Amino acid sequence: MNKISVDKINLNLRTDRKSFISECERDYDSQLLTVASAISDRSFDRPIILLSGPSGSGKTTTALRLERLLKNMGHPSKTLSLDDYFIPLEKSCEDVDFEAPERIDIPFLKKQLEAIAEGREVVIPDFDFKTQTRILKERYRRQKNEIVVIEGIHALNPDVTGESEYFSNNIYVSVRTRIIDKDCVSFHPSKIRLIRRIIRDTQFRARSIETVLDHFKSVERGENLYIMPFKERSHFEIDTFIGYEMSVYKDYLMPMLLNIKNTYPDYHKFESIEKMFDQIDSLDDSLVAKNSVVREFYGGSELEY
């Protein structure tokens, strides 16, 4: 587990913020390049990438960036999201566990994966989180020698994607860096992922901050039950923490926190987020690279999510 202090982040931002931003992005880029190179070397026997990680870990950006790198290395690539295989809300039971593998239409997914592996045409679905509906959107047939990236929280679960040890490269991504505040208290990576979720879901999934916070306990439970047990199946791990990202999120999220501070019953459970933002300098999001993982949550990415 990596560590960085609030004081170091602030010092770097005040001294030469552009260089610090570039350094942070290079750290992430370097990890991607290392993994992509290894996958390229094993592509003949392992044409599938299964990419998993907890919610808010930057799976989609990592998958799309790997897709680009692999294309540059001469491998046609395609990214599929397990989110698009969610069961539409109106077809779900009222007591469904939204973090469980059963949230995915597993029979439909396995049928499509089998067809893709065999080179048969499928119509790939698209899931709309705002309406909780799914449509069949894009006709697709895997090309010869093409690498397919399948990303989602359950991608490493064999009950969902099948036994794949002999034909897939498995990747686990998450925030693997802790921020140390001015009182030498460690800010847990799960809180960074929660911040990412709040910003993403309030902007792009029509959810209130209260709803996201209410759901946090269920998300953590789901991670422990359905994601962490399969982490050991990964061949590669990627830390998606970006050293300056909290500074970008500050000006957007801090007003939302203060707005619910005296009304949200469980606010005390999340006071550490307010404390962190109090200590860290803010950063104009215009300085963030268009392909940065930060853009997955904040918006303005050149990548198509």
Protein backbone atom coordinates (compact mmCIF):
# COMPACT_ATOMS: atom_id res chain seq x y z
CA MET A 1 0.00 0.00 0.00
CA ASN A 2 1.43 3.37 -1.07
CA LYS A 3 1.20 6.53 1.05
CA ILE A 4 1.29 10.26 0.36
CA SER A 5 0.76 13.12 2.79
CA VAL A 6 -1.54 16.10 2.43
CA ASP A 7 1.47 18.32 3.07
CA LYS A 8 3.35 16.78 0.13
CA ILE A 9 0.37 17.16 -2.19
CA ASN A 10 -0.06 20.81 -1.23
CA LEU A 11 3.65 21.52 -1.52
CA ASN A 12 3.79 20.03 -5.01
CA LEU A 13 0.73 21.97 -6.11
CA ARG A 14 2.13 25.24 -4.77
CA THR A 15 5.63 24.68 -6.14
CA ASP A 16 4.92 23.46 -9.69
CA ARG A 17 1.42 22.14 -10.16
CA LYS A 18 1.77 21.36 -13.86
CA SER A 19 4.84 19.20 -13.25
CA PHE A 20 3.10 17.47 -10.34
CA ILE A 21 0.03 16.73 -12.47
CA SER A 22 2.23 15.32 -15.23
CA GLU A 23 4.16 13.17 -12.74
CA CYS A 24 0.95 11.73 -11.29
CA GLU A 25 -0.34 10.84 -14.75
CA ARG A 26 2.99 9.27 -15.72
CA ASP A 27 2.82 6.97 -12.68
CA TYR A 28 -0.54 5.64 -13.86
CA ASP A 29 0.58 5.51 -17.52
CA SER A 30 3.64 3.47 -16.55
CA GLN A 31 1.50 0.82 -14.88
CA LEU A 32 -0.75 0.58 -17.93
CA LEU A 33 2.19 0.23 -20.30
CA THR A 34 3.74 -2.54 -18.22
CA VAL A 35 0.49 -4.51 -18.16
CA ALA A 36 -0.29 -3.90 -21.84
CA SER A 37 3.17 -5.10 -22.86
CA ALA A 38 2.78 -8.32 -20.86
CA ILE A 39 -0.70 -8.91 -22.34
CA SER A 40 0.64 -8.32 -25.84
CA ASP A 41 3.27 -11.00 -25.31
CA ARG A 42 0.60 -13.49 -24.21
CA SER A 43 -2.15 -12.48 -26.66
CA PHE A 44 -2.05 -15.62 -28.82
CA ASP A 45 -3.03 -17.90 -25.94
CA ARG A 46 -4.99 -15.33 -23.91
CA PRO A 47 -7.20 -13.16 -26.16
CA ILE A 48 -9.53 -12.14 -23.31
CA ILE A 49 -8.87 -9.60 -20.54
CA LEU A 50 -11.02 -9.81 -17.42
CA LEU A 51 -10.73 -6.55 -15.50
CA SER A 52 -12.28 -6.23 -12.05
CA GLY A 53 -12.19 -3.96 -9.04
CA PRO A 54 -14.54 -2.35 -6.51
CA SER A 55 -16.91 0.46 -7.37
CA GLY A 56 -15.18 3.76 -8.04
CA SER A 57 -11.84 2.13 -8.85
CA GLY A 58 -11.50 3.47 -12.39
CA LYS A 59 -12.15 0.21 -14.21
CA THR A 60 -13.68 1.77 -17.31
CA THR A 61 -10.89 4.26 -17.93
CA THR A 62 -8.28 1.58 -17.32
CA ALA A 63 -10.00 -0.75 -19.77
CA LEU A 64 -10.30 1.90 -22.47
CA ARG A 65 -6.73 3.09 -22.01
CA LEU A 66 -5.48 -0.51 -22.25
CA GLU A 67 -7.54 -0.91 -25.39
CA ARG A 68 -5.74 2.07 -26.93
CA LEU A 69 -2.32 0.80 -25.95
CA LEU A 70 -3.02 -2.65 -27.34
CA LYS A 71 -4.21 -1.16 -30.63
CA ASN A 72 -0.97 0.81 -30.84
CA MET A 73 0.88 -2.49 -30.31
CA GLY A 74 -0.91 -4.00 -33.28
CA HIS A 75 -3.80 -5.76 -31.54
CA PRO A 76 -7.39 -4.92 -32.53
CA SER A 77 -9.25 -4.45 -29.23
CA LYS A 78 -12.78 -4.03 -27.92
CA THR A 79 -14.03 -3.18 -24.42
CA LEU A 80 -17.29 -4.58 -23.03
CA SER A 81 -18.78 -3.49 -19.71
CA LEU A 82 -20.60 -5.93 -17.45
CA ASP A 83 -22.77 -2.98 -16.37
CA ASP A 84 -24.51 -3.19 -19.73
CA TYR A 85 -25.65 -6.70 -18.81
CA PHE A 86 -27.51 -5.56 -15.69
CA ILE A 87 -31.05 -6.81 -15.35
CA PRO A 88 -33.50 -3.94 -15.99
CA LEU A 89 -35.04 -2.67 -12.78
CA GLU A 90 -38.58 -3.55 -13.70
CA LYS A 91 -37.52 -7.20 -14.11
CA SER A 92 -35.74 -7.34 -10.75
CA CYS A 93 -37.16 -8.64 -7.51
CA GLU A 94 -37.86 -6.00 -4.87
CA ASP A 95 -35.36 -7.54 -2.46
CA VAL A 96 -32.54 -7.87 -5.01
CA ASP A 97 -29.01 -7.23 -3.75
CA PHE A 98 -27.74 -4.65 -6.23
CA GLU A 99 -24.10 -5.54 -5.48
CA ALA A 100 -24.59 -9.28 -6.02
CA PRO A 101 -23.64 -11.18 -9.17
CA GLU A 102 -27.33 -11.88 -9.69
CA ARG A 103 -27.75 -8.21 -10.64
CA ILE A 104 -26.22 -9.32 -13.95
CA ASP A 105 -28.25 -11.27 -16.50
CA ILE A 106 -25.73 -14.13 -16.29
CA PRO A 107 -27.39 -16.56 -18.78
CA PHE A 108 -27.57 -13.78 -21.37
CA LEU A 109 -23.97 -12.72 -20.67
CA LYS A 110 -22.58 -16.25 -20.94
CA LYS A 111 -24.46 -16.81 -24.20
CA GLN A 112 -22.93 -13.67 -25.65
CA LEU A 113 -19.41 -14.44 -24.38
CA GLU A 114 -19.58 -17.88 -25.96
CA ALA A 115 -20.65 -16.38 -29.27
CA ILE A 116 -17.94 -13.72 -29.12
CA ALA A 117 -15.24 -16.29 -28.39
CA GLU A 118 -16.40 -18.36 -31.37
CA GLY A 119 -16.45 -15.37 -33.69
CA ARG A 120 -20.22 -15.26 -34.11
CA GLU A 121 -22.11 -11.99 -34.34
CA VAL A 122 -23.92 -10.63 -31.30
CA VAL A 123 -25.89 -7.49 -30.56
CA ILE A 124 -24.23 -5.85 -27.56
CA PRO A 125 -26.57 -4.28 -24.97
CA ASP A 126 -26.44 -0.81 -23.48
CA PHE A 127 -27.72 -0.07 -19.96
CA ASP A 128 -29.17 3.33 -19.04
CA PHE A 129 -28.65 3.98 -15.31
CA LYS A 130 -31.05 6.91 -15.22
CA THR A 131 -34.00 4.86 -16.48
CA GLN A 132 -32.66 1.47 -15.31
CA THR A 133 -33.42 -0.01 -18.70
CA ARG A 134 -31.39 -2.05 -21.20
CA ILE A 135 -31.51 -1.98 -24.98
CA LEU A 136 -29.72 -4.00 -27.66
CA LYS A 137 -27.53 -1.44 -29.38
CA GLU A 138 -24.46 -2.55 -31.36
CA ARG A 139 -23.80 -5.45 -33.71
CA TYR A 140 -20.38 -6.95 -33.07
CA ARG A 141 -18.22 -9.84 -34.25
CA ARG A 142 -14.75 -10.44 -32.80
CA GLN A 143 -12.02 -10.15 -35.40
CA LYS A 144 -9.25 -12.70 -35.79
CA ASN A 145 -6.51 -12.01 -33.21
CA GLU A 146 -8.63 -9.32 -31.53
CA ILE A 147 -8.28 -8.82 -27.77
CA VAL A 148 -11.56 -8.32 -25.90
CA VAL A 149 -11.54 -6.46 -22.58
CA ILE A 150 -14.41 -7.33 -20.23
CA GLU A 151 -14.62 -4.95 -17.30
CA GLY A 152 -16.89 -4.96 -14.26
CA ILE A 153 -16.95 -5.64 -10.54
CA HIS A 154 -17.73 -9.33 -11.12
CA ALA A 155 -15.36 -9.95 -14.03
CA LEU A 156 -13.11 -12.27 -12.00
CA ASN A 157 -15.99 -14.29 -10.57
CA PRO A 158 -16.05 -17.66 -12.38
CA ASP A 159 -19.78 -17.99 -11.71
CA VAL A 160 -20.27 -14.90 -13.88
CA THR A 161 -17.62 -15.09 -16.60
CA GLY A 162 -16.69 -18.76 -16.38
CA GLU A 163 -13.47 -20.60 -15.65
CA SER A 164 -10.88 -18.63 -17.60
CA GLU A 165 -7.44 -19.38 -16.17
CA TYR A 166 -6.18 -20.77 -19.46
CA PHE A 167 -7.41 -18.14 -21.93
CA SER A 168 -7.62 -14.79 -20.09
CA ASN A 169 -5.37 -12.18 -18.53
CA ASN A 170 -6.94 -11.12 -15.24
CA ILE A 171 -6.48 -7.60 -13.88
CA TYR A 172 -7.51 -6.14 -10.54
CA VAL A 173 -7.69 -2.36 -10.25
CA SER A 174 -8.38 -0.17 -7.24
CA VAL A 175 -7.14 2.78 -5.24
CA ARG A 176 -4.08 1.41 -3.48
CA THR A 177 -2.74 4.64 -1.93
CA ARG A 178 -3.56 6.13 1.45
CA ILE A 179 -3.47 9.87 2.09
CA ILE A 180 -1.97 10.88 5.45
CA ASP A 181 -3.53 14.03 6.88
CA LYS A 182 -1.91 16.74 9.02
CA ASP A 183 -2.72 14.79 12.20
CA CYS A 184 -0.96 11.68 10.80
CA VAL A 185 -4.34 9.96 10.32
CA SER A 186 -4.66 7.68 7.32
CA PHE A 187 -7.47 8.44 4.88
CA HIS A 188 -8.64 5.04 3.67
CA PRO A 189 -8.75 4.35 -0.10
CA SER A 190 -12.40 3.31 0.20
CA LYS A 191 -13.24 6.93 1.04
CA ILE A 192 -11.49 8.10 -2.12
CA ARG A 193 -13.57 5.66 -4.13
CA LEU A 194 -16.69 6.88 -2.32
CA ILE A 195 -15.85 10.46 -3.28
CA ARG A 196 -15.47 9.36 -6.89
CA ARG A 197 -18.87 7.62 -6.71
CA ILE A 198 -20.60 10.68 -5.24
CA ILE A 199 -19.30 12.95 -7.98
CA ARG A 200 -20.05 10.48 -10.78
CA ASP A 201 -23.49 9.44 -9.55
CA THR A 202 -24.77 12.93 -8.75
CA GLN A 203 -23.65 14.22 -12.15
CA PHE A 204 -24.37 11.31 -14.45
CA ARG A 205 -26.70 8.84 -12.71
CA ALA A 206 -29.39 11.14 -11.34
CA ARG A 207 -28.70 10.28 -7.69
CA SER A 208 -28.54 12.57 -4.68
CA ILE A 209 -25.55 12.67 -2.37
CA GLU A 210 -27.76 11.29 0.40
CA THR A 211 -28.67 8.29 -1.74
CA VAL A 212 -25.02 7.54 -2.50
CA LEU A 213 -24.07 7.80 1.17
CA ASP A 214 -27.02 5.62 2.21
CA HIS A 215 -25.86 2.98 -0.24
CA PHE A 216 -22.21 3.02 0.89
CA LYS A 217 -22.63 0.34 3.55
CA SER A 218 -24.23 -2.00 1.03
CA VAL A 219 -21.42 -1.30 -1.46
CA GLU A 220 -18.76 -2.16 1.14
CA ARG A 221 -20.62 -5.34 2.06
CA GLY A 222 -20.82 -6.31 -1.60
CA GLU A 223 -17.10 -5.71 -2.10
CA ASN A 224 -16.24 -8.00 0.81
CA LEU A 225 -18.63 -10.73 -0.35
CA TYR A 226 -18.41 -10.61 -4.13
CA ILE A 227 -15.20 -8.88 -5.23
CA MET A 228 -12.36 -9.33 -2.73
CA PRO A 229 -12.62 -13.17 -2.65
CA PHE A 230 -11.66 -13.27 -6.34
CA LYS A 231 -8.84 -10.72 -6.18
CA GLU A 232 -6.29 -13.54 -5.97
CA ARG A 233 -7.29 -14.69 -9.45
CA SER A 234 -5.67 -11.58 -10.93
CA HIS A 235 -2.38 -11.72 -12.82
CA PHE A 236 -1.84 -7.95 -12.61
CA GLU A 237 -2.80 -5.16 -10.19
CA ILE A 238 -3.08 -1.45 -11.02
CA ASP A 239 -3.27 1.41 -8.52
CA THR A 240 -5.61 4.02 -10.04
CA PHE A 241 -4.95 6.71 -7.44
CA ILE A 242 -4.01 10.03 -9.01
CA GLY A 243 -1.99 12.18 -6.62
CA TYR A 244 -3.82 15.44 -7.29
CA GLU A 245 -7.38 14.10 -7.71
CA MET A 246 -8.70 15.10 -4.27
CA SER A 247 -7.78 18.70 -5.06
CA VAL A 248 -9.92 18.55 -8.21
CA TYR A 249 -12.91 17.08 -6.37
CA LYS A 250 -12.79 19.59 -3.51
CA ASP A 251 -14.62 22.56 -5.06
CA TYR A 252 -17.35 20.33 -6.45
CA LEU A 253 -18.03 18.15 -3.43
CA MET A 254 -17.34 20.40 -0.46
CA PRO A 255 -20.46 22.58 -0.97
CA MET A 256 -22.58 19.43 -1.24
CA LEU A 257 -21.20 18.12 2.04
CA LEU A 258 -21.77 21.38 3.88
CA ASN A 259 -25.31 21.52 2.50
CA ILE A 260 -26.26 18.24 4.20
CA LYS A 261 -24.05 18.59 7.28
CA ASN A 262 -26.90 19.53 9.61
CA THR A 263 -29.62 17.45 7.98
CA TYR A 264 -28.13 14.09 7.04
CA PRO A 265 -28.50 11.78 10.09
CA ASP A 266 -25.29 9.78 9.51
CA TYR A 267 -23.08 12.70 8.52
CA HIS A 268 -20.67 11.95 11.37
CA LYS A 269 -19.64 8.76 9.58
CA PHE A 270 -18.27 10.83 6.71
CA GLU A 271 -16.79 13.81 8.54
CA SER A 272 -13.31 12.59 7.62
CA ILE A 273 -14.06 13.59 4.01
CA GLU A 274 -14.85 17.17 5.06
CA LYS A 275 -11.70 17.20 7.19
CA MET A 276 -9.59 16.06 4.25
CA PHE A 277 -11.01 18.73 1.97
CA ASP A 278 -10.38 21.34 4.66
CA GLN A 279 -6.69 20.46 4.62
CA ILE A 280 -6.02 20.02 0.92
CA ASP A 281 -5.58 22.74 -1.71
CA SER A 282 -8.10 22.92 -4.55
CA LEU A 283 -7.17 22.56 -8.21
CA ASP A 284 -8.88 23.85 -11.35
CA ASP A 285 -10.15 20.87 -13.33
CA SER A 286 -9.14 22.56 -16.61
CA LEU A 287 -5.58 21.36 -15.89
CA VAL A 288 -6.64 17.70 -15.88
CA ALA A 289 -5.66 15.66 -18.96
CA LYS A 290 -8.57 14.70 -21.20
CA ASN A 291 -7.75 10.99 -20.89
CA SER A 292 -7.16 11.02 -17.12
CA VAL A 293 -8.94 8.50 -14.90
CA VAL A 294 -10.15 11.55 -12.94
CA ARG A 295 -12.38 12.42 -15.90
CA GLU A 296 -14.30 9.15 -15.49
CA PHE A 297 -15.91 10.63 -12.40
CA TYR A 298 -15.71 14.36 -12.99
CA GLY A 299 -16.52 14.52 -16.68
CA GLY A 300 -14.93 16.10 -19.73
CA SER A 301 -13.08 12.99 -20.90
CA GLU A 302 -12.07 12.36 -24.47
CA LEU A 303 -12.88 8.69 -23.86
CA GLU A 304 -16.33 7.38 -24.67
CA TYR A 305 -17.84 5.77 -21.58
